[in-house]
Protein backbone atom coordinates (compact mmCIF):
# COMPACT_ATOMS: atom_id res chain seq x y z
CA MET A 1 130.27 130.28 118.34
CA GLU A 2 127.60 130.16 121.00
CA LYS A 3 124.07 130.68 119.70
CA LYS A 4 121.93 133.24 121.47
CA SER A 5 118.25 133.97 121.47
CA LEU A 6 117.03 137.28 120.09
CA ASP A 7 116.30 138.44 123.65
CA ASP A 8 119.94 137.73 124.57
CA VAL A 9 121.16 139.73 121.57
CA PHE A 10 119.00 142.73 122.47
CA GLU A 11 120.30 142.59 126.03
CA LEU A 12 123.91 142.53 124.81
CA MET A 13 123.28 145.50 122.51
CA GLY A 14 122.95 147.73 125.59
CA THR A 15 126.41 146.76 126.88
CA GLU A 16 129.99 147.34 125.82
CA ASN A 17 130.19 143.76 124.52
CA PRO A 18 130.44 143.35 120.74
CA VAL A 19 127.50 141.68 119.04
CA GLU A 20 127.77 139.97 115.66
CA VAL A 21 124.54 138.99 113.95
CA ILE A 22 124.71 137.00 110.73
CA PRO A 23 121.48 135.82 109.10
CA ASN A 24 120.96 132.09 109.16
CA SER A 25 119.98 130.89 105.69
CA ARG A 26 121.02 128.20 103.26
CA ASP A 27 122.89 130.75 101.15
CA ASN A 28 124.93 131.98 104.11
CA ALA A 29 125.92 128.44 105.03
CA ARG A 30 128.40 128.42 102.15
CA VAL A 31 129.85 131.90 102.84
CA ASP A 32 133.29 132.09 104.41
CA TRP A 33 132.94 135.47 106.15
CA ARG A 34 136.25 137.17 106.95
CA THR A 35 137.32 140.34 108.75
CA THR A 36 138.93 143.34 107.04
CA ARG A 37 142.32 142.31 108.35
CA GLU A 38 141.93 138.72 107.11
CA ILE A 39 140.95 139.90 103.62
CA ALA A 40 143.88 142.31 103.54
CA GLU A 41 146.28 139.51 104.48
CA ASN A 42 144.72 137.20 101.89
CA LEU A 43 145.15 139.83 99.15
CA GLY A 44 148.60 140.99 100.32
CA VAL A 45 147.49 144.61 100.90
CA SER A 46 146.87 146.82 103.92
CA LYS A 47 143.50 146.94 105.65
CA TYR A 48 143.36 150.61 104.62
CA LYS A 49 143.52 149.57 100.97
CA VAL A 50 140.60 147.18 101.53
CA LEU A 51 138.58 150.00 103.14
CA LYS A 52 139.46 152.28 100.21
CA TRP A 53 138.07 149.64 97.83
CA VAL A 54 134.87 149.53 99.90
CA ARG A 55 134.46 153.34 99.71
CA SER A 56 135.32 153.51 96.00
CA GLY A 57 132.89 150.76 95.00
CA VAL A 58 135.38 148.07 93.98
CA PHE A 59 133.63 145.84 96.51
CA GLN A 60 129.84 145.83 96.31
CA ALA A 61 127.70 145.84 99.44
CA GLY A 62 125.63 142.68 99.70
CA VAL A 63 127.90 140.90 97.23
CA HIS A 64 131.47 141.19 98.48
CA TYR A 65 130.84 142.49 101.99
CA ARG A 66 128.29 143.32 104.66
CA ASN A 67 128.32 145.95 107.37
CA ILE A 68 127.40 144.11 110.56
CA SER A 69 127.62 147.18 112.81
CA PHE A 70 124.67 148.90 114.43
CA ASP A 71 126.70 152.14 114.48
CA LYS A 72 126.74 153.77 111.03
CA ASN A 73 129.64 156.02 112.09
CA ARG A 74 131.90 153.03 112.78
CA PRO A 75 131.17 150.27 110.28
CA THR A 76 132.29 146.72 110.95
CA TYR A 77 132.64 144.74 107.76
CA ARG A 78 132.58 141.04 107.00
CA PHE A 79 133.78 139.97 103.58
CA ASP A 80 132.84 137.00 101.40
CA LEU A 81 136.22 135.42 100.69
CA GLU A 82 134.96 133.41 97.70
CA LYS A 83 133.37 136.42 95.97
CA ILE A 84 136.47 138.56 96.51
CA ASP A 85 138.74 135.83 95.16
CA GLN A 86 136.46 135.59 92.09
CA LEU A 87 136.65 139.37 91.61
CA PHE A 88 140.43 139.34 91.46
CA GLU A 89 140.68 136.19 89.32
CA GLY A 90 138.65 137.68 86.47
């Protein structure tokens, strides 16, 4: 993925182009972030089931997933594959 400066990100936010911003920290270096569809495929369920688990609280915000969207009406989630696998193992 190409790295962009903050000015570039702000410029892209005013366009139709999607913008994904993920904090850069040591903790995030180990996270294997996945899309809703990828998590659904990994778990063998539909993406609608994954979204139902988000709404019902099975997945916890900040632990199992993050909303990376700037539009609160249309969330875009990224899921921590390791944390979700741990949830279903236990």
